């Protein structure tokens, strides 16, 4: 079984030393969902929300969050991301929005936390912008879809949430 890399022999949390690692191309994709009433989703789709374009705002928030993950998650390394993409898709048949993020870099540590943070903050932004009309929206699940690069190898999650 794998060991927790952020815990030293004394059981103390510490930042992992990545200085000896080789730089490789690393990529991660994550997804999040925001479930809501049909009328809330319709307001987002038709652009009638009084705060403006919900998807554009959530996309920018997700991108900004990925870039600042190291400030939010203790022991995360600050990374020079080469790509951050946040895509939002209305799914009226399920009364929800699906968010998928992608983060990429050439570096010594992975970008899973950045992808998860991007998707999560985009979902939180949708909630924030729509809470005046619906407070009981549900965020989740949030999960890692895939990662590639690095010593631990590639990962691909099981089938997508439906």
N, C-alpha and C. Protein backbone atom coordinates (compact mmCIF):
# COMPACT_ATOMS: atom_id res chain seq x y z
N UNK A 1 0.84 -1.19 0.00
CA UNK A 1 0.00 0.00 0.00
C UNK A 1 0.88 1.24 0.00
N UNK A 2 0.47 2.26 -0.69
CA UNK A 2 1.22 3.51 -0.77
C UNK A 2 1.22 4.22 0.57
N UNK A 3 2.27 4.99 0.79
CA UNK A 3 2.39 5.79 2.01
C UNK A 3 1.92 7.21 1.74
N UNK A 4 1.49 7.89 2.79
CA UNK A 4 1.15 9.30 2.67
C UNK A 4 2.44 10.09 2.49
N UNK A 5 2.55 10.81 1.41
CA UNK A 5 3.81 11.50 1.10
C UNK A 5 4.00 12.79 1.89
N UNK A 6 2.93 13.32 2.46
CA UNK A 6 3.03 14.59 3.19
C UNK A 6 3.26 14.40 4.70
N UNK A 7 3.48 13.16 5.12
CA UNK A 7 3.70 12.86 6.54
C UNK A 7 5.11 12.29 6.69
N UNK A 8 5.90 12.89 7.57
CA UNK A 8 7.27 12.40 7.76
C UNK A 8 7.29 11.26 8.79
N UNK A 9 8.48 10.75 9.08
CA UNK A 9 8.63 9.61 9.99
C UNK A 9 8.10 9.90 11.38
N UNK A 10 8.11 11.16 11.79
CA UNK A 10 7.60 11.55 13.11
C UNK A 10 6.09 11.79 13.10
N UNK A 11 5.46 11.60 11.96
CA UNK A 11 4.02 11.80 11.87
C UNK A 11 3.61 13.24 11.66
N UNK A 12 4.57 14.09 11.29
CA UNK A 12 4.30 15.51 11.10
C UNK A 12 4.06 15.82 9.62
N UNK A 13 3.15 16.74 9.39
CA UNK A 13 2.90 17.17 8.01
C UNK A 13 4.06 18.02 7.53
N UNK A 14 4.45 17.80 6.28
CA UNK A 14 5.52 18.60 5.67
C UNK A 14 5.30 18.67 4.17
N UNK A 15 5.96 19.61 3.54
CA UNK A 15 5.89 19.74 2.08
C UNK A 15 6.86 18.75 1.46
N UNK A 16 6.40 18.01 0.47
CA UNK A 16 7.23 17.01 -0.19
C UNK A 16 8.34 17.71 -0.98
N UNK A 17 9.56 17.19 -0.86
CA UNK A 17 10.69 17.73 -1.61
C UNK A 17 10.68 17.11 -3.00
N UNK A 18 10.45 17.92 -4.02
CA UNK A 18 10.40 17.42 -5.39
C UNK A 18 11.66 17.79 -6.19
N UNK A 19 12.68 18.30 -5.52
CA UNK A 19 13.85 18.82 -6.23
C UNK A 19 14.58 17.75 -7.04
N UNK A 20 14.54 16.50 -6.63
CA UNK A 20 15.25 15.44 -7.35
C UNK A 20 14.39 14.79 -8.44
N UNK A 21 13.14 15.16 -8.53
CA UNK A 21 12.26 14.56 -9.54
C UNK A 21 12.56 15.11 -10.92
N UNK A 22 12.33 14.28 -11.92
CA UNK A 22 12.49 14.72 -13.31
C UNK A 22 11.26 15.50 -13.74
N UNK A 23 11.48 16.48 -14.60
CA UNK A 23 10.36 17.23 -15.16
C UNK A 23 9.72 16.40 -16.26
N UNK A 24 8.41 16.23 -16.18
CA UNK A 24 7.65 15.53 -17.20
C UNK A 24 6.37 16.31 -17.47
N UNK A 25 5.75 16.02 -18.60
CA UNK A 25 4.45 16.63 -18.89
C UNK A 25 3.43 15.95 -18.01
N UNK A 26 2.68 16.74 -17.29
CA UNK A 26 1.66 16.21 -16.37
C UNK A 26 0.34 16.88 -16.69
N UNK A 27 -0.71 16.09 -16.62
CA UNK A 27 -2.03 16.60 -16.95
C UNK A 27 -3.04 15.95 -16.02
N UNK A 28 -4.08 16.69 -15.67
CA UNK A 28 -5.17 16.14 -14.86
C UNK A 28 -6.48 16.76 -15.32
N UNK A 29 -7.53 15.94 -15.27
CA UNK A 29 -8.89 16.40 -15.56
C UNK A 29 -9.77 16.06 -14.37
N UNK A 30 -10.68 16.97 -14.04
CA UNK A 30 -11.61 16.76 -12.93
C UNK A 30 -12.99 17.22 -13.37
N UNK A 31 -14.00 16.78 -12.62
CA UNK A 31 -15.36 17.21 -12.92
C UNK A 31 -16.10 17.52 -11.64
N UNK A 32 -17.10 18.38 -11.78
CA UNK A 32 -18.01 18.72 -10.68
C UNK A 32 -19.38 18.96 -11.29
N UNK A 33 -20.39 18.81 -10.47
CA UNK A 33 -21.78 19.03 -10.90
C UNK A 33 -22.46 19.99 -9.94
N UNK A 34 -23.41 20.76 -10.47
CA UNK A 34 -24.28 21.59 -9.65
C UNK A 34 -25.71 21.26 -10.08
N UNK A 35 -26.46 20.64 -9.15
CA UNK A 35 -27.86 20.30 -9.42
C UNK A 35 -28.74 21.45 -8.96
N UNK A 36 -29.78 21.73 -9.75
CA UNK A 36 -30.66 22.86 -9.45
C UNK A 36 -32.04 22.62 -10.05
N UNK A 37 -32.97 23.50 -9.69
CA UNK A 37 -34.32 23.41 -10.27
C UNK A 37 -34.27 23.78 -11.75
N UNK A 38 -35.21 23.26 -12.53
CA UNK A 38 -35.24 23.56 -13.96
C UNK A 38 -35.30 25.06 -14.26
N UNK A 39 -36.04 25.82 -13.47
CA UNK A 39 -36.15 27.25 -13.74
C UNK A 39 -34.84 28.00 -13.47
N UNK A 40 -34.06 27.51 -12.51
CA UNK A 40 -32.75 28.12 -12.25
C UNK A 40 -31.81 27.85 -13.41
N UNK A 41 -31.81 26.62 -13.87
CA UNK A 41 -30.96 26.26 -15.01
C UNK A 41 -31.39 27.03 -16.27
N UNK A 42 -32.69 27.17 -16.46
CA UNK A 42 -33.20 27.91 -17.63
C UNK A 42 -32.72 29.35 -17.61
N UNK A 43 -32.69 29.96 -16.43
CA UNK A 43 -32.21 31.33 -16.29
C UNK A 43 -30.74 31.44 -16.70
N UNK A 44 -29.95 30.44 -16.34
CA UNK A 44 -28.53 30.43 -16.73
C UNK A 44 -28.41 30.27 -18.24
N UNK A 45 -29.16 29.32 -18.79
CA UNK A 45 -29.07 29.02 -20.22
C UNK A 45 -29.50 30.20 -21.08
N UNK A 46 -30.60 30.85 -20.70
CA UNK A 46 -31.11 31.94 -21.55
C UNK A 46 -30.45 33.29 -21.27
N UNK A 47 -29.54 33.32 -20.29
CA UNK A 47 -28.78 34.54 -20.02
C UNK A 47 -29.55 35.63 -19.32
N UNK A 48 -30.65 35.27 -18.65
CA UNK A 48 -31.48 36.30 -18.00
C UNK A 48 -31.09 36.58 -16.55
N UNK A 49 -29.99 35.99 -16.09
CA UNK A 49 -29.55 36.22 -14.72
C UNK A 49 -29.11 37.67 -14.55
N UNK A 50 -29.58 38.32 -13.49
CA UNK A 50 -29.28 39.74 -13.30
C UNK A 50 -27.81 40.02 -13.00
N UNK A 51 -27.05 39.01 -12.58
CA UNK A 51 -25.63 39.21 -12.31
C UNK A 51 -24.76 39.05 -13.56
N UNK A 52 -25.35 38.63 -14.66
CA UNK A 52 -24.58 38.49 -15.89
C UNK A 52 -24.39 37.04 -16.31
N UNK A 53 -23.38 36.81 -17.12
CA UNK A 53 -23.10 35.50 -17.71
C UNK A 53 -22.51 34.57 -16.65
N UNK A 54 -23.34 33.66 -16.16
CA UNK A 54 -22.93 32.75 -15.08
C UNK A 54 -21.78 31.86 -15.53
N UNK A 55 -21.88 31.29 -16.73
CA UNK A 55 -20.83 30.39 -17.20
C UNK A 55 -19.50 31.11 -17.39
N UNK A 56 -19.52 32.30 -17.95
CA UNK A 56 -18.26 33.04 -18.15
C UNK A 56 -17.61 33.36 -16.81
N UNK A 57 -18.41 33.77 -15.85
CA UNK A 57 -17.88 34.10 -14.53
C UNK A 57 -17.32 32.86 -13.84
N UNK A 58 -18.05 31.74 -13.91
CA UNK A 58 -17.59 30.49 -13.29
C UNK A 58 -16.31 29.99 -13.96
N UNK A 59 -16.23 30.13 -15.27
CA UNK A 59 -15.02 29.70 -16.00
C UNK A 59 -13.80 30.49 -15.53
N UNK A 60 -13.94 31.80 -15.45
CA UNK A 60 -12.82 32.64 -15.00
C UNK A 60 -12.45 32.30 -13.56
N UNK A 61 -13.45 32.10 -12.71
CA UNK A 61 -13.19 31.75 -11.31
C UNK A 61 -12.42 30.44 -11.21
N UNK A 62 -12.81 29.45 -12.01
CA UNK A 62 -12.12 28.16 -12.01
C UNK A 62 -10.68 28.28 -12.45
N UNK A 63 -10.45 29.05 -13.50
CA UNK A 63 -9.08 29.25 -13.99
C UNK A 63 -8.24 29.96 -12.92
N UNK A 64 -8.79 31.01 -12.33
CA UNK A 64 -8.06 31.73 -11.27
C UNK A 64 -7.78 30.81 -10.08
N UNK A 65 -8.73 29.97 -9.73
CA UNK A 65 -8.56 29.06 -8.60
C UNK A 65 -7.43 28.06 -8.86
N UNK A 66 -7.38 27.52 -10.07
CA UNK A 66 -6.30 26.58 -10.40
C UNK A 66 -4.94 27.24 -10.20
N UNK A 67 -4.82 28.49 -10.64
CA UNK A 67 -3.56 29.21 -10.53
C UNK A 67 -3.19 29.51 -9.08
N UNK A 68 -4.19 29.51 -8.19
CA UNK A 68 -3.93 29.87 -6.79
C UNK A 68 -4.10 28.70 -5.83
N UNK A 69 -4.14 27.50 -6.34
CA UNK A 69 -4.35 26.32 -5.49
C UNK A 69 -3.33 26.26 -4.37
N UNK A 70 -2.10 26.58 -4.66
CA UNK A 70 -1.04 26.51 -3.64
C UNK A 70 -1.32 27.43 -2.46
N UNK A 71 -2.13 28.47 -2.66
CA UNK A 71 -2.49 29.37 -1.55
C UNK A 71 -3.66 28.83 -0.73
N UNK A 72 -4.42 27.92 -1.31
CA UNK A 72 -5.62 27.40 -0.66
C UNK A 72 -5.41 26.07 0.04
N UNK A 73 -4.59 25.21 -0.55
CA UNK A 73 -4.39 23.85 -0.04
C UNK A 73 -3.02 23.80 0.64
N UNK A 74 -2.99 23.55 1.95
CA UNK A 74 -1.71 23.49 2.64
C UNK A 74 -0.79 22.45 2.01
N UNK A 75 0.47 22.78 1.92
CA UNK A 75 1.54 21.91 1.45
C UNK A 75 1.56 21.70 -0.06
N UNK A 76 0.68 22.36 -0.80
CA UNK A 76 0.72 22.31 -2.26
C UNK A 76 1.86 23.19 -2.76
N UNK A 77 2.51 22.74 -3.82
CA UNK A 77 3.58 23.53 -4.43
C UNK A 77 2.98 24.59 -5.35
N UNK A 78 3.59 25.78 -5.39
CA UNK A 78 3.19 26.74 -6.42
C UNK A 78 3.67 26.22 -7.78
N UNK A 79 2.79 26.22 -8.76
CA UNK A 79 3.12 25.62 -10.05
C UNK A 79 3.02 26.63 -11.18
N UNK A 80 3.82 26.42 -12.20
CA UNK A 80 3.78 27.21 -13.43
C UNK A 80 2.91 26.45 -14.43
N UNK A 81 1.61 26.61 -14.30
CA UNK A 81 0.68 25.92 -15.18
C UNK A 81 0.85 26.42 -16.61
N UNK A 82 0.85 25.50 -17.56
CA UNK A 82 0.94 25.90 -18.96
C UNK A 82 -0.43 25.93 -19.62
N UNK A 83 -1.40 25.25 -19.02
CA UNK A 83 -2.76 25.27 -19.57
C UNK A 83 -3.76 25.03 -18.44
N UNK A 84 -4.81 25.83 -18.44
CA UNK A 84 -5.98 25.59 -17.58
C UNK A 84 -7.20 25.82 -18.45
N UNK A 85 -8.06 24.83 -18.46
CA UNK A 85 -9.29 24.92 -19.25
C UNK A 85 -10.45 24.54 -18.33
N UNK A 86 -11.52 25.31 -18.38
CA UNK A 86 -12.73 25.01 -17.61
C UNK A 86 -13.91 25.08 -18.57
N UNK A 87 -14.57 23.95 -18.75
CA UNK A 87 -15.73 23.88 -19.64
C UNK A 87 -16.98 23.60 -18.83
N UNK A 88 -18.04 24.32 -19.14
CA UNK A 88 -19.32 24.17 -18.45
C UNK A 88 -20.38 23.75 -19.45
N UNK A 89 -21.20 22.79 -19.05
CA UNK A 89 -22.23 22.27 -19.93
C UNK A 89 -23.54 22.17 -19.17
N UNK A 90 -24.56 22.86 -19.66
CA UNK A 90 -25.90 22.70 -19.08
C UNK A 90 -26.43 21.33 -19.48
N UNK A 91 -27.00 20.62 -18.53
CA UNK A 91 -27.61 19.32 -18.79
C UNK A 91 -29.06 19.36 -18.32
N UNK A 92 -29.94 19.98 -19.12
CA UNK A 92 -31.34 20.15 -18.71
C UNK A 92 -32.05 18.83 -18.42
N UNK A 93 -31.65 17.77 -19.08
CA UNK A 93 -32.28 16.46 -18.84
C UNK A 93 -32.02 15.94 -17.43
N UNK A 94 -31.00 16.50 -16.76
CA UNK A 94 -30.67 16.11 -15.38
C UNK A 94 -30.80 17.29 -14.41
N UNK A 95 -31.25 18.45 -14.89
CA UNK A 95 -31.36 19.66 -14.05
C UNK A 95 -30.04 19.99 -13.36
N UNK A 96 -28.99 20.07 -14.16
CA UNK A 96 -27.67 20.33 -13.57
C UNK A 96 -26.73 20.94 -14.59
N UNK A 97 -25.62 21.42 -14.05
CA UNK A 97 -24.50 21.89 -14.86
C UNK A 97 -23.34 20.95 -14.58
N UNK A 98 -22.67 20.53 -15.64
CA UNK A 98 -21.45 19.73 -15.51
C UNK A 98 -20.27 20.63 -15.81
N UNK A 99 -19.27 20.55 -14.95
CA UNK A 99 -18.05 21.33 -15.10
C UNK A 99 -16.90 20.35 -15.27
N UNK A 100 -16.09 20.57 -16.29
CA UNK A 100 -14.89 19.75 -16.46
C UNK A 100 -13.69 20.68 -16.59
N UNK A 101 -12.66 20.38 -15.81
CA UNK A 101 -11.44 21.18 -15.85
C UNK A 101 -10.29 20.33 -16.34
N UNK A 102 -9.32 21.01 -16.93
CA UNK A 102 -8.09 20.36 -17.38
C UNK A 102 -6.94 21.28 -17.00
N UNK A 103 -5.91 20.70 -16.39
CA UNK A 103 -4.70 21.45 -16.06
C UNK A 103 -3.50 20.68 -16.61
N UNK A 104 -2.52 21.43 -17.10
CA UNK A 104 -1.32 20.81 -17.68
C UNK A 104 -0.10 21.66 -17.35
N UNK A 105 1.03 20.97 -17.23
CA UNK A 105 2.32 21.64 -17.08
C UNK A 105 3.43 20.67 -17.42
N UNK A 106 4.62 21.20 -17.57
CA UNK A 106 5.83 20.39 -17.58
C UNK A 106 6.52 20.73 -16.27
N UNK A 107 6.60 19.75 -15.39
CA UNK A 107 7.13 20.03 -14.07
C UNK A 107 7.43 18.78 -13.27
N UNK A 108 7.66 18.99 -11.97
CA UNK A 108 8.10 17.92 -11.08
C UNK A 108 7.01 17.38 -10.19
N UNK A 109 5.82 17.94 -10.26
CA UNK A 109 4.72 17.47 -9.43
C UNK A 109 3.42 17.57 -10.22
N UNK A 110 2.45 16.76 -9.81
CA UNK A 110 1.21 16.66 -10.56
C UNK A 110 0.28 17.84 -10.38
N UNK A 111 -0.79 17.84 -11.18
CA UNK A 111 -1.74 18.95 -11.19
C UNK A 111 -3.15 18.51 -10.82
N UNK A 112 -3.26 17.39 -10.11
CA UNK A 112 -4.58 16.91 -9.71
C UNK A 112 -5.31 17.91 -8.82
N UNK A 113 -4.61 18.47 -7.85
CA UNK A 113 -5.26 19.41 -6.94
C UNK A 113 -5.71 20.67 -7.67
N UNK A 114 -4.94 21.09 -8.65
CA UNK A 114 -5.31 22.27 -9.43
C UNK A 114 -6.58 22.01 -10.24
N UNK A 115 -6.67 20.83 -10.86
CA UNK A 115 -7.86 20.49 -11.63
C UNK A 115 -9.08 20.37 -10.72
N UNK A 116 -8.92 19.72 -9.57
CA UNK A 116 -10.03 19.59 -8.63
C UNK A 116 -10.46 20.95 -8.07
N UNK A 117 -9.50 21.80 -7.79
CA UNK A 117 -9.82 23.14 -7.28
C UNK A 117 -10.54 23.96 -8.33
N UNK A 118 -10.10 23.88 -9.58
CA UNK A 118 -10.76 24.63 -10.66
C UNK A 118 -12.22 24.22 -10.79
N UNK A 119 -12.49 22.92 -10.82
CA UNK A 119 -13.87 22.45 -10.95
C UNK A 119 -14.70 22.83 -9.74
N UNK A 120 -14.12 22.70 -8.55
CA UNK A 120 -14.85 23.02 -7.32
C UNK A 120 -15.20 24.49 -7.22
N UNK A 121 -14.25 25.36 -7.51
CA UNK A 121 -14.50 26.80 -7.40
C UNK A 121 -15.46 27.26 -8.49
N UNK A 122 -15.40 26.68 -9.67
CA UNK A 122 -16.39 27.01 -10.70
C UNK A 122 -17.79 26.64 -10.21
N UNK A 123 -17.92 25.48 -9.56
CA UNK A 123 -19.22 25.07 -9.01
C UNK A 123 -19.67 26.02 -7.90
N UNK A 124 -18.77 26.39 -7.02
CA UNK A 124 -19.10 27.33 -5.96
C UNK A 124 -19.52 28.69 -6.52
N UNK A 125 -18.91 29.09 -7.61
CA UNK A 125 -19.26 30.37 -8.24
C UNK A 125 -20.67 30.32 -8.81
N UNK A 126 -21.02 29.21 -9.43
CA UNK A 126 -22.40 29.05 -9.91
C UNK A 126 -23.37 29.16 -8.74
N UNK A 127 -23.05 28.48 -7.64
CA UNK A 127 -23.90 28.56 -6.46
C UNK A 127 -24.02 30.01 -5.99
N UNK A 128 -22.90 30.68 -5.87
CA UNK A 128 -22.89 32.06 -5.39
C UNK A 128 -23.74 32.97 -6.28
N UNK A 129 -23.62 32.82 -7.56
CA UNK A 129 -24.36 33.70 -8.48
C UNK A 129 -25.85 33.40 -8.49
N UNK A 130 -26.24 32.17 -8.16
CA UNK A 130 -27.66 31.77 -8.26
C UNK A 130 -28.36 31.61 -6.91
N UNK A 131 -27.64 31.80 -5.82
CA UNK A 131 -28.24 31.55 -4.50
C UNK A 131 -29.41 32.47 -4.18
N UNK A 132 -29.49 33.62 -4.81
CA UNK A 132 -30.62 34.53 -4.56
C UNK A 132 -31.93 33.93 -5.06
N UNK A 133 -31.85 33.08 -6.07
CA UNK A 133 -33.08 32.46 -6.61
C UNK A 133 -33.26 31.02 -6.14
N UNK A 134 -32.18 30.37 -5.68
CA UNK A 134 -32.30 29.00 -5.18
C UNK A 134 -31.16 28.71 -4.22
N UNK A 135 -31.52 28.46 -2.98
CA UNK A 135 -30.50 28.19 -1.96
C UNK A 135 -30.22 26.71 -1.77
N UNK A 136 -31.08 25.84 -2.30
CA UNK A 136 -30.92 24.41 -2.06
C UNK A 136 -30.27 23.67 -3.24
N UNK A 137 -29.48 24.38 -4.04
CA UNK A 137 -28.71 23.70 -5.08
C UNK A 137 -27.75 22.72 -4.42
N UNK A 138 -27.38 21.67 -5.14
CA UNK A 138 -26.48 20.65 -4.61
C UNK A 138 -25.23 20.62 -5.47
N UNK A 139 -24.08 20.73 -4.82
CA UNK A 139 -22.79 20.62 -5.51
C UNK A 139 -22.26 19.21 -5.29
N UNK A 140 -21.91 18.54 -6.37
CA UNK A 140 -21.29 17.23 -6.27
C UNK A 140 -21.93 16.22 -7.19
N UNK A 141 -21.26 15.14 -7.42
CA UNK A 141 -19.92 14.85 -6.91
C UNK A 141 -18.84 15.69 -7.60
N UNK A 142 -17.72 15.79 -6.92
CA UNK A 142 -16.50 16.37 -7.47
C UNK A 142 -15.49 15.25 -7.47
N UNK A 143 -14.84 15.03 -8.62
CA UNK A 143 -13.88 13.92 -8.65
C UNK A 143 -12.82 14.11 -9.71
N UNK A 144 -11.71 13.42 -9.51
CA UNK A 144 -10.64 13.36 -10.50
C UNK A 144 -11.06 12.39 -11.59
N UNK A 145 -11.01 12.83 -12.83
CA UNK A 145 -11.35 11.96 -13.96
C UNK A 145 -10.13 11.22 -14.49
N UNK A 146 -9.00 11.91 -14.57
CA UNK A 146 -7.80 11.29 -15.13
C UNK A 146 -6.58 12.11 -14.76
N UNK A 147 -5.44 11.44 -14.74
CA UNK A 147 -4.15 12.12 -14.57
C UNK A 147 -3.12 11.34 -15.36
N UNK A 148 -2.14 12.06 -15.86
CA UNK A 148 -1.05 11.40 -16.57
C UNK A 148 0.26 12.10 -16.24
N UNK A 149 1.34 11.34 -16.38
CA UNK A 149 2.67 11.86 -16.09
C UNK A 149 3.06 11.60 -14.66
N UNK A 150 4.35 11.58 -14.43
CA UNK A 150 4.86 11.40 -13.08
C UNK A 150 5.12 9.95 -12.73
N UNK A 151 5.77 9.77 -11.58
CA UNK A 151 6.21 8.45 -11.12
C UNK A 151 5.05 7.51 -10.80
N UNK A 152 3.94 8.06 -10.31
CA UNK A 152 2.83 7.19 -9.91
C UNK A 152 2.02 6.67 -11.10
N UNK A 153 2.34 7.14 -12.30
CA UNK A 153 1.68 6.61 -13.49
C UNK A 153 0.37 7.29 -13.80
N UNK A 154 -0.33 6.70 -14.75
CA UNK A 154 -1.59 7.26 -15.22
C UNK A 154 -2.76 6.73 -14.41
N UNK A 155 -3.84 7.51 -14.40
CA UNK A 155 -5.08 7.13 -13.72
C UNK A 155 -6.24 7.56 -14.58
N UNK A 156 -7.25 6.70 -14.66
CA UNK A 156 -8.49 7.05 -15.35
C UNK A 156 -9.64 6.53 -14.50
N UNK A 157 -10.57 7.42 -14.16
CA UNK A 157 -11.71 7.04 -13.33
C UNK A 157 -12.66 6.14 -14.12
N UNK A 158 -13.51 5.46 -13.39
CA UNK A 158 -14.57 4.66 -14.01
C UNK A 158 -15.53 5.58 -14.74
N UNK A 159 -16.54 5.01 -15.34
CA UNK A 159 -17.52 5.76 -16.14
C UNK A 159 -17.95 7.05 -15.46
N UNK A 160 -18.36 8.01 -16.30
CA UNK A 160 -18.78 9.31 -15.79
C UNK A 160 -20.09 9.21 -15.04
N UNK A 161 -20.31 10.18 -14.19
CA UNK A 161 -21.53 10.31 -13.39
C UNK A 161 -22.70 10.63 -14.30
N UNK A 162 -23.85 9.96 -14.09
CA UNK A 162 -25.03 10.34 -14.88
C UNK A 162 -26.26 10.42 -14.07
